[in-house]
């Protein structure tokens, strides 16, 4: 089958794939600014957002399409907030990161207190933006 002609889960390739491509493009910009080992480390320690939103015991595997249903649409921002809080607590608890990114414990504390733009250096902002676009892409999986 030719690329771009297939259908997935009843959705025709079209505007959604254009959005997805754009998001991937932007995500890769930030991805290129972050050391690869750091991305891998964070992905390992901070689970992707869909693992926080449900506790079903069904035998089938759940996918990111959970977010595409209308009833769950209102929960997107809550889920993203949870995801960001997980990232925040990850930064806060992982002291090695302060050595790695060369910022002080005070800056981590400021970050924890949500004064993000007052004390975050570019490296952390890049990481947050990378994960923001990573999160958005979950809707297109």
N, C-alpha and C. Protein backbone atom coordinates (compact mmCIF):
# COMPACT_ATOMS: atom_id res chain seq x y z
N UNK A 1 0.84 -1.19 0.00
CA UNK A 1 0.00 0.00 0.00
C UNK A 1 0.88 1.25 0.00
N UNK A 2 0.48 2.24 -0.72
CA UNK A 2 1.28 3.46 -0.81
C UNK A 2 1.23 4.26 0.50
N UNK A 3 2.33 4.93 0.85
CA UNK A 3 2.32 5.77 2.06
C UNK A 3 1.23 6.84 1.93
N UNK A 4 0.53 7.05 3.02
CA UNK A 4 -0.49 8.10 3.00
C UNK A 4 -1.84 7.66 2.47
N UNK A 5 -1.94 6.41 2.02
CA UNK A 5 -3.22 5.96 1.48
C UNK A 5 -3.95 5.01 2.45
N UNK A 6 -3.25 4.60 3.51
CA UNK A 6 -3.86 3.63 4.42
C UNK A 6 -4.82 4.31 5.41
N UNK A 7 -5.67 3.50 6.00
CA UNK A 7 -6.58 3.99 7.03
C UNK A 7 -6.20 3.34 8.36
N UNK A 8 -6.32 4.11 9.45
CA UNK A 8 -6.08 3.55 10.77
C UNK A 8 -7.24 3.86 11.67
N UNK A 9 -7.80 2.82 12.28
CA UNK A 9 -8.90 2.96 13.23
C UNK A 9 -10.03 3.83 12.68
N UNK A 10 -10.32 3.68 11.39
CA UNK A 10 -11.47 4.36 10.81
C UNK A 10 -11.24 5.82 10.45
N UNK A 11 -10.03 6.33 10.68
CA UNK A 11 -9.76 7.73 10.32
C UNK A 11 -8.98 7.77 9.03
N UNK A 12 -9.46 8.52 8.07
CA UNK A 12 -8.75 8.68 6.79
C UNK A 12 -7.50 9.53 7.03
N UNK A 13 -6.43 9.16 6.37
CA UNK A 13 -5.25 10.02 6.40
C UNK A 13 -5.63 11.36 5.80
N UNK A 14 -5.23 12.43 6.40
CA UNK A 14 -5.63 13.75 5.92
C UNK A 14 -5.11 14.81 6.86
N UNK A 15 -5.99 15.74 7.28
CA UNK A 15 -5.56 16.82 8.17
C UNK A 15 -4.84 16.30 9.43
N UNK A 16 -5.33 15.20 9.99
CA UNK A 16 -4.70 14.65 11.20
C UNK A 16 -3.24 14.30 10.96
N UNK A 17 -2.95 13.71 9.80
CA UNK A 17 -1.56 13.33 9.52
C UNK A 17 -0.69 14.57 9.29
N UNK A 18 -1.29 15.63 8.76
CA UNK A 18 -0.54 16.88 8.58
C UNK A 18 -0.17 17.46 9.94
N UNK A 19 -1.13 17.43 10.86
CA UNK A 19 -0.88 17.93 12.22
C UNK A 19 0.20 17.08 12.88
N UNK A 20 0.05 15.77 12.73
CA UNK A 20 1.01 14.85 13.34
C UNK A 20 2.43 15.11 12.82
N UNK A 21 2.54 15.29 11.50
CA UNK A 21 3.85 15.56 10.90
C UNK A 21 4.46 16.85 11.44
N UNK A 22 3.60 17.87 11.58
CA UNK A 22 4.07 19.16 12.09
C UNK A 22 4.55 19.03 13.53
N UNK A 23 3.76 18.31 14.34
CA UNK A 23 4.13 18.10 15.74
C UNK A 23 5.45 17.34 15.83
N UNK A 24 5.62 16.32 14.98
CA UNK A 24 6.87 15.55 14.99
C UNK A 24 8.06 16.42 14.60
N UNK A 25 7.80 17.30 13.65
CA UNK A 25 8.83 18.23 13.18
C UNK A 25 9.29 19.14 14.33
N UNK A 26 8.31 19.71 15.04
CA UNK A 26 8.63 20.61 16.15
C UNK A 26 9.29 19.83 17.28
N UNK A 27 8.75 18.65 17.56
CA UNK A 27 9.32 17.81 18.63
C UNK A 27 10.79 17.51 18.35
N UNK A 28 11.11 17.21 17.09
CA UNK A 28 12.48 16.85 16.77
C UNK A 28 13.44 18.04 16.92
N UNK A 29 12.91 19.26 16.76
CA UNK A 29 13.74 20.46 16.98
C UNK A 29 14.24 20.48 18.43
N UNK A 30 13.31 20.23 19.37
CA UNK A 30 13.70 20.22 20.79
C UNK A 30 14.50 18.98 21.14
N UNK A 31 14.14 17.87 20.49
CA UNK A 31 14.84 16.61 20.74
C UNK A 31 16.33 16.74 20.42
N UNK A 32 16.61 17.49 19.35
CA UNK A 32 18.00 17.67 18.93
C UNK A 32 18.81 18.54 19.88
N UNK A 33 18.10 19.27 20.77
CA UNK A 33 18.79 20.15 21.71
C UNK A 33 19.07 19.46 23.05
N UNK A 34 18.56 18.23 23.19
CA UNK A 34 18.69 17.52 24.46
C UNK A 34 19.58 16.30 24.26
N UNK A 35 20.52 16.06 25.19
CA UNK A 35 21.36 14.85 25.06
C UNK A 35 20.48 13.60 25.02
N UNK A 36 20.79 12.70 24.09
CA UNK A 36 19.96 11.51 23.90
C UNK A 36 19.80 10.66 25.17
N UNK A 37 20.90 10.51 25.91
CA UNK A 37 20.84 9.67 27.12
C UNK A 37 19.86 10.24 28.14
N UNK A 38 19.73 11.57 28.13
CA UNK A 38 18.81 12.22 29.07
C UNK A 38 17.36 11.94 28.70
N UNK A 39 17.07 12.01 27.40
CA UNK A 39 15.71 11.70 26.92
C UNK A 39 15.34 10.25 27.29
N UNK A 40 16.27 9.34 27.04
CA UNK A 40 16.03 7.93 27.35
C UNK A 40 15.78 7.75 28.84
N UNK A 41 16.59 8.42 29.65
CA UNK A 41 16.48 8.33 31.11
C UNK A 41 15.11 8.83 31.58
N UNK A 42 14.69 9.99 31.05
CA UNK A 42 13.41 10.56 31.47
C UNK A 42 12.25 9.69 30.99
N UNK A 43 12.33 9.20 29.75
CA UNK A 43 11.28 8.32 29.24
C UNK A 43 11.14 7.06 30.10
N UNK A 44 12.27 6.59 30.62
CA UNK A 44 12.26 5.39 31.45
C UNK A 44 11.61 5.66 32.80
N UNK A 45 11.94 6.81 33.38
CA UNK A 45 11.48 7.11 34.74
C UNK A 45 10.10 7.78 34.80
N UNK A 46 9.73 8.50 33.74
CA UNK A 46 8.42 9.16 33.72
C UNK A 46 7.56 8.45 32.67
N UNK A 47 6.56 7.69 33.13
CA UNK A 47 5.75 6.94 32.18
C UNK A 47 4.98 7.86 31.24
N UNK A 48 4.68 7.41 30.02
CA UNK A 48 3.89 8.22 29.11
C UNK A 48 2.49 8.49 29.69
N UNK A 49 1.83 9.55 29.25
CA UNK A 49 0.60 10.00 29.90
C UNK A 49 -0.52 8.98 29.98
N UNK A 50 -0.64 8.09 28.98
CA UNK A 50 -1.80 7.20 28.98
C UNK A 50 -1.79 6.21 30.14
N UNK A 51 -0.64 6.02 30.78
CA UNK A 51 -0.60 5.06 31.89
C UNK A 51 -1.18 5.64 33.17
N UNK A 52 -1.42 6.95 33.19
CA UNK A 52 -1.93 7.58 34.40
C UNK A 52 -3.45 7.75 34.40
N UNK A 53 -4.08 7.49 33.28
CA UNK A 53 -5.47 7.92 33.16
C UNK A 53 -6.50 6.83 33.42
N UNK A 54 -6.06 5.57 33.50
CA UNK A 54 -7.04 4.52 33.72
C UNK A 54 -6.42 3.31 34.41
N UNK A 55 -7.27 2.54 35.07
CA UNK A 55 -6.79 1.36 35.76
C UNK A 55 -7.63 0.15 35.37
N UNK A 56 -7.91 0.00 34.08
CA UNK A 56 -8.71 -1.12 33.61
C UNK A 56 -7.96 -2.45 33.80
N UNK A 57 -8.72 -3.51 33.97
CA UNK A 57 -8.08 -4.82 34.09
C UNK A 57 -8.43 -5.71 32.90
N UNK A 58 -8.81 -5.09 31.78
CA UNK A 58 -9.14 -5.86 30.58
C UNK A 58 -7.90 -6.57 30.06
N UNK A 59 -8.14 -7.60 29.26
CA UNK A 59 -7.00 -8.36 28.74
C UNK A 59 -6.34 -7.68 27.54
N UNK A 60 -7.11 -6.84 26.83
CA UNK A 60 -6.50 -6.19 25.66
C UNK A 60 -5.61 -5.03 26.08
N UNK A 61 -4.65 -4.72 25.25
CA UNK A 61 -3.73 -3.64 25.58
C UNK A 61 -4.35 -2.29 25.23
N UNK A 62 -4.16 -1.33 26.10
CA UNK A 62 -4.71 0.00 25.86
C UNK A 62 -3.73 0.84 25.05
N UNK A 63 -4.27 1.65 24.17
CA UNK A 63 -3.41 2.50 23.37
C UNK A 63 -3.76 3.95 23.62
N UNK A 64 -2.99 4.84 23.02
CA UNK A 64 -3.21 6.27 23.19
C UNK A 64 -4.55 6.76 22.64
N UNK A 65 -5.24 5.93 21.86
CA UNK A 65 -6.51 6.36 21.26
C UNK A 65 -7.56 6.63 22.32
N UNK A 66 -7.29 6.24 23.55
CA UNK A 66 -8.16 6.59 24.68
C UNK A 66 -8.53 8.07 24.65
N UNK A 67 -7.55 8.90 24.27
CA UNK A 67 -7.75 10.34 24.28
C UNK A 67 -8.65 10.84 23.16
N UNK A 68 -8.87 10.01 22.16
CA UNK A 68 -9.63 10.48 21.01
C UNK A 68 -11.14 10.45 21.24
N UNK A 69 -11.59 9.72 22.26
CA UNK A 69 -13.03 9.66 22.50
C UNK A 69 -13.52 10.98 23.10
N UNK A 70 -14.74 11.35 22.73
CA UNK A 70 -15.28 12.65 23.13
C UNK A 70 -15.36 12.80 24.64
N UNK A 71 -15.72 11.73 25.34
CA UNK A 71 -15.87 11.82 26.80
C UNK A 71 -14.55 12.09 27.49
N UNK A 72 -13.45 11.61 26.89
CA UNK A 72 -12.14 11.82 27.51
C UNK A 72 -11.49 13.13 27.10
N UNK A 73 -12.08 13.78 26.10
CA UNK A 73 -11.44 14.97 25.56
C UNK A 73 -11.24 16.05 26.62
N UNK A 74 -12.24 16.17 27.51
CA UNK A 74 -12.15 17.16 28.58
C UNK A 74 -11.04 16.87 29.58
N UNK A 75 -10.58 15.63 29.59
CA UNK A 75 -9.54 15.24 30.55
C UNK A 75 -8.13 15.44 30.04
N UNK A 76 -8.01 15.92 28.80
CA UNK A 76 -6.69 16.05 28.19
C UNK A 76 -5.78 16.95 29.03
N UNK A 77 -6.30 18.10 29.44
CA UNK A 77 -5.45 19.04 30.16
C UNK A 77 -5.12 18.52 31.56
N UNK A 78 -6.08 17.83 32.17
CA UNK A 78 -5.82 17.20 33.46
C UNK A 78 -4.71 16.17 33.32
N UNK A 79 -4.81 15.37 32.25
CA UNK A 79 -3.79 14.35 32.00
C UNK A 79 -2.44 15.00 31.74
N UNK A 80 -2.45 16.10 30.98
CA UNK A 80 -1.18 16.78 30.70
C UNK A 80 -0.59 17.36 31.99
N UNK A 81 -1.47 17.92 32.83
CA UNK A 81 -1.00 18.48 34.10
C UNK A 81 -0.36 17.38 34.96
N UNK A 82 -1.01 16.22 34.99
CA UNK A 82 -0.46 15.07 35.73
C UNK A 82 0.91 14.70 35.17
N UNK A 83 0.99 14.68 33.85
CA UNK A 83 2.24 14.33 33.18
C UNK A 83 3.34 15.33 33.53
N UNK A 84 3.00 16.62 33.49
CA UNK A 84 3.97 17.65 33.83
C UNK A 84 4.38 17.54 35.29
N UNK A 85 3.41 17.29 36.17
CA UNK A 85 3.74 17.14 37.59
C UNK A 85 4.68 15.95 37.81
N UNK A 86 4.47 14.89 37.03
CA UNK A 86 5.39 13.75 37.11
C UNK A 86 6.78 14.14 36.64
N UNK A 87 6.84 14.94 35.58
CA UNK A 87 8.14 15.43 35.12
C UNK A 87 8.79 16.31 36.18
N UNK A 88 7.97 17.17 36.79
CA UNK A 88 8.47 18.09 37.82
C UNK A 88 9.04 17.31 38.99
N UNK A 89 8.27 16.33 39.47
CA UNK A 89 8.75 15.57 40.62
C UNK A 89 9.99 14.75 40.25
N UNK A 90 10.03 14.35 38.97
CA UNK A 90 11.22 13.66 38.47
C UNK A 90 12.44 14.58 38.57
N UNK A 91 12.30 15.82 38.10
CA UNK A 91 13.41 16.78 38.18
C UNK A 91 13.78 17.05 39.64
N UNK A 92 12.75 17.19 40.44
CA UNK A 92 12.94 17.57 41.84
C UNK A 92 13.67 16.48 42.61
N UNK A 93 13.32 15.23 42.30
CA UNK A 93 13.89 14.12 43.06
C UNK A 93 15.21 13.60 42.49
N UNK A 94 15.41 13.83 41.23
CA UNK A 94 16.63 13.30 40.62
C UNK A 94 17.75 14.33 40.72
N UNK A 95 18.52 14.25 41.82
CA UNK A 95 19.53 15.27 42.08
C UNK A 95 20.68 15.24 41.08
N UNK A 96 20.91 14.06 40.47
CA UNK A 96 21.97 13.98 39.46
C UNK A 96 21.75 14.98 38.34
N UNK A 97 20.47 15.27 38.08
CA UNK A 97 20.15 16.18 36.99
C UNK A 97 20.71 17.57 37.24
N UNK A 98 20.76 17.97 38.52
CA UNK A 98 21.30 19.30 38.82
C UNK A 98 22.78 19.39 38.45
N UNK A 99 23.50 18.28 38.66
CA UNK A 99 24.91 18.26 38.24
C UNK A 99 25.00 18.25 36.72
N UNK A 100 24.13 17.43 36.12
CA UNK A 100 24.16 17.26 34.68
C UNK A 100 23.84 18.55 33.94
N UNK A 101 22.82 19.28 34.43
CA UNK A 101 22.39 20.49 33.74
C UNK A 101 22.97 21.76 34.36
N UNK A 102 23.74 21.59 35.42
CA UNK A 102 24.42 22.72 36.06
C UNK A 102 23.43 23.78 36.56
N UNK A 103 22.44 23.34 37.32
CA UNK A 103 21.64 24.33 38.02
C UNK A 103 21.51 23.94 39.48
N UNK A 104 21.26 24.94 40.31
CA UNK A 104 21.34 24.74 41.74
C UNK A 104 20.07 24.10 42.30
N UNK A 105 20.17 23.64 43.55
CA UNK A 105 19.00 23.09 44.23
C UNK A 105 17.94 24.18 44.39
N UNK A 106 18.36 25.41 44.55
CA UNK A 106 17.41 26.52 44.66
C UNK A 106 16.59 26.65 43.38
N UNK A 107 17.25 26.49 42.25
CA UNK A 107 16.53 26.56 40.98
C UNK A 107 15.53 25.42 40.84
N UNK A 108 15.92 24.23 41.31
CA UNK A 108 14.99 23.11 41.28
C UNK A 108 13.79 23.43 42.17
N UNK A 109 14.07 24.04 43.31
CA UNK A 109 13.00 24.40 44.25
C UNK A 109 12.05 25.42 43.61
N UNK A 110 12.61 26.41 42.93
CA UNK A 110 11.80 27.40 42.22
C UNK A 110 10.91 26.71 41.18
N UNK A 111 11.51 25.77 40.50
CA UNK A 111 10.79 25.01 39.48
C UNK A 111 9.61 24.30 40.13
N UNK A 112 9.89 23.67 41.28
CA UNK A 112 8.86 22.95 42.03
C UNK A 112 7.75 23.92 42.46
N UNK A 113 8.13 25.15 42.76
CA UNK A 113 7.16 26.16 43.19
C UNK A 113 6.45 26.84 42.01
N UNK A 114 6.66 26.33 40.82
CA UNK A 114 6.01 26.78 39.59
C UNK A 114 6.50 28.14 39.06
N UNK A 115 7.59 28.65 39.63
CA UNK A 115 8.15 29.89 39.08
C UNK A 115 9.04 29.54 37.90
N UNK A 116 8.42 28.87 36.94
CA UNK A 116 9.21 28.23 35.88
C UNK A 116 10.12 29.20 35.13
N UNK A 117 9.55 30.31 34.65
CA UNK A 117 10.35 31.18 33.78
C UNK A 117 11.30 32.08 34.55
N UNK A 118 11.14 32.14 35.87
CA UNK A 118 12.06 32.95 36.66
C UNK A 118 13.42 32.29 36.79
N UNK A 119 13.43 30.97 36.81
CA UNK A 119 14.70 30.33 37.15
C UNK A 119 15.12 29.18 36.26
N UNK A 120 14.31 28.84 35.28
CA UNK A 120 14.70 27.71 34.45
C UNK A 120 15.71 28.12 33.39
N UNK A 121 16.70 27.29 33.22
CA UNK A 121 17.60 27.58 32.12
C UNK A 121 17.06 26.95 30.83
N UNK A 122 17.68 27.26 29.73
CA UNK A 122 17.16 26.82 28.42
C UNK A 122 17.09 25.31 28.28
N UNK A 123 18.02 24.63 28.94
CA UNK A 123 18.03 23.18 28.81
C UNK A 123 16.74 22.57 29.36
N UNK A 124 16.30 23.07 30.51
CA UNK A 124 15.08 22.54 31.11
C UNK A 124 13.87 22.92 30.27
N UNK A 125 13.84 24.15 29.78
CA UNK A 125 12.72 24.59 28.94
C UNK A 125 12.64 23.72 27.68
N UNK A 126 13.79 23.41 27.08
CA UNK A 126 13.82 22.51 25.92
C UNK A 126 13.23 21.15 26.27
N UNK A 127 13.58 20.64 27.45
CA UNK A 127 13.07 19.34 27.86
C UNK A 127 11.56 19.37 28.02
N UNK A 128 11.05 20.42 28.67
CA UNK A 128 9.60 20.53 28.87
C UNK A 128 8.88 20.65 27.54
N UNK A 129 9.41 21.46 26.64
CA UNK A 129 8.78 21.61 25.32
C UNK A 129 8.82 20.31 24.54
N UNK A 130 9.96 19.61 24.63
CA UNK A 130 10.05 18.31 23.96
C UNK A 130 8.93 17.38 24.46
N UNK A 131 8.77 17.31 25.78
CA UNK A 131 7.77 16.41 26.34
C UNK A 131 6.34 16.90 26.09
N UNK A 132 6.18 18.21 25.96
CA UNK A 132 4.87 18.75 25.61
C UNK A 132 4.45 18.24 24.22
N UNK A 133 5.36 18.34 23.26
CA UNK A 133 5.03 17.87 21.90
C UNK A 133 4.95 16.34 21.85
N UNK A 134 5.75 15.69 22.68
CA UNK A 134 5.66 14.23 22.80
C UNK A 134 4.26 13.85 23.29
N UNK A 135 3.78 14.61 24.25
CA UNK A 135 2.44 14.37 24.81
C UNK A 135 1.36 14.59 23.75
N UNK A 136 1.46 15.72 23.04
CA UNK A 136 0.46 16.02 22.01
C UNK A 136 0.42 14.92 20.94
N UNK A 137 1.58 14.39 20.62
CA UNK A 137 1.64 13.33 19.60
C UNK A 137 0.94 12.05 20.04
N UNK A 138 0.74 11.91 21.34
CA UNK A 138 0.03 10.72 21.83
C UNK A 138 -1.39 10.65 21.27
N UNK A 139 -1.96 11.80 20.93
CA UNK A 139 -3.32 11.81 20.40
C UNK A 139 -3.37 11.29 18.96
N UNK A 140 -2.21 11.19 18.33
CA UNK A 140 -2.17 10.79 16.93
C UNK A 140 -1.60 9.39 16.75
N UNK A 141 -1.34 8.72 17.87
CA UNK A 141 -0.79 7.35 17.79
C UNK A 141 -1.84 6.39 17.27
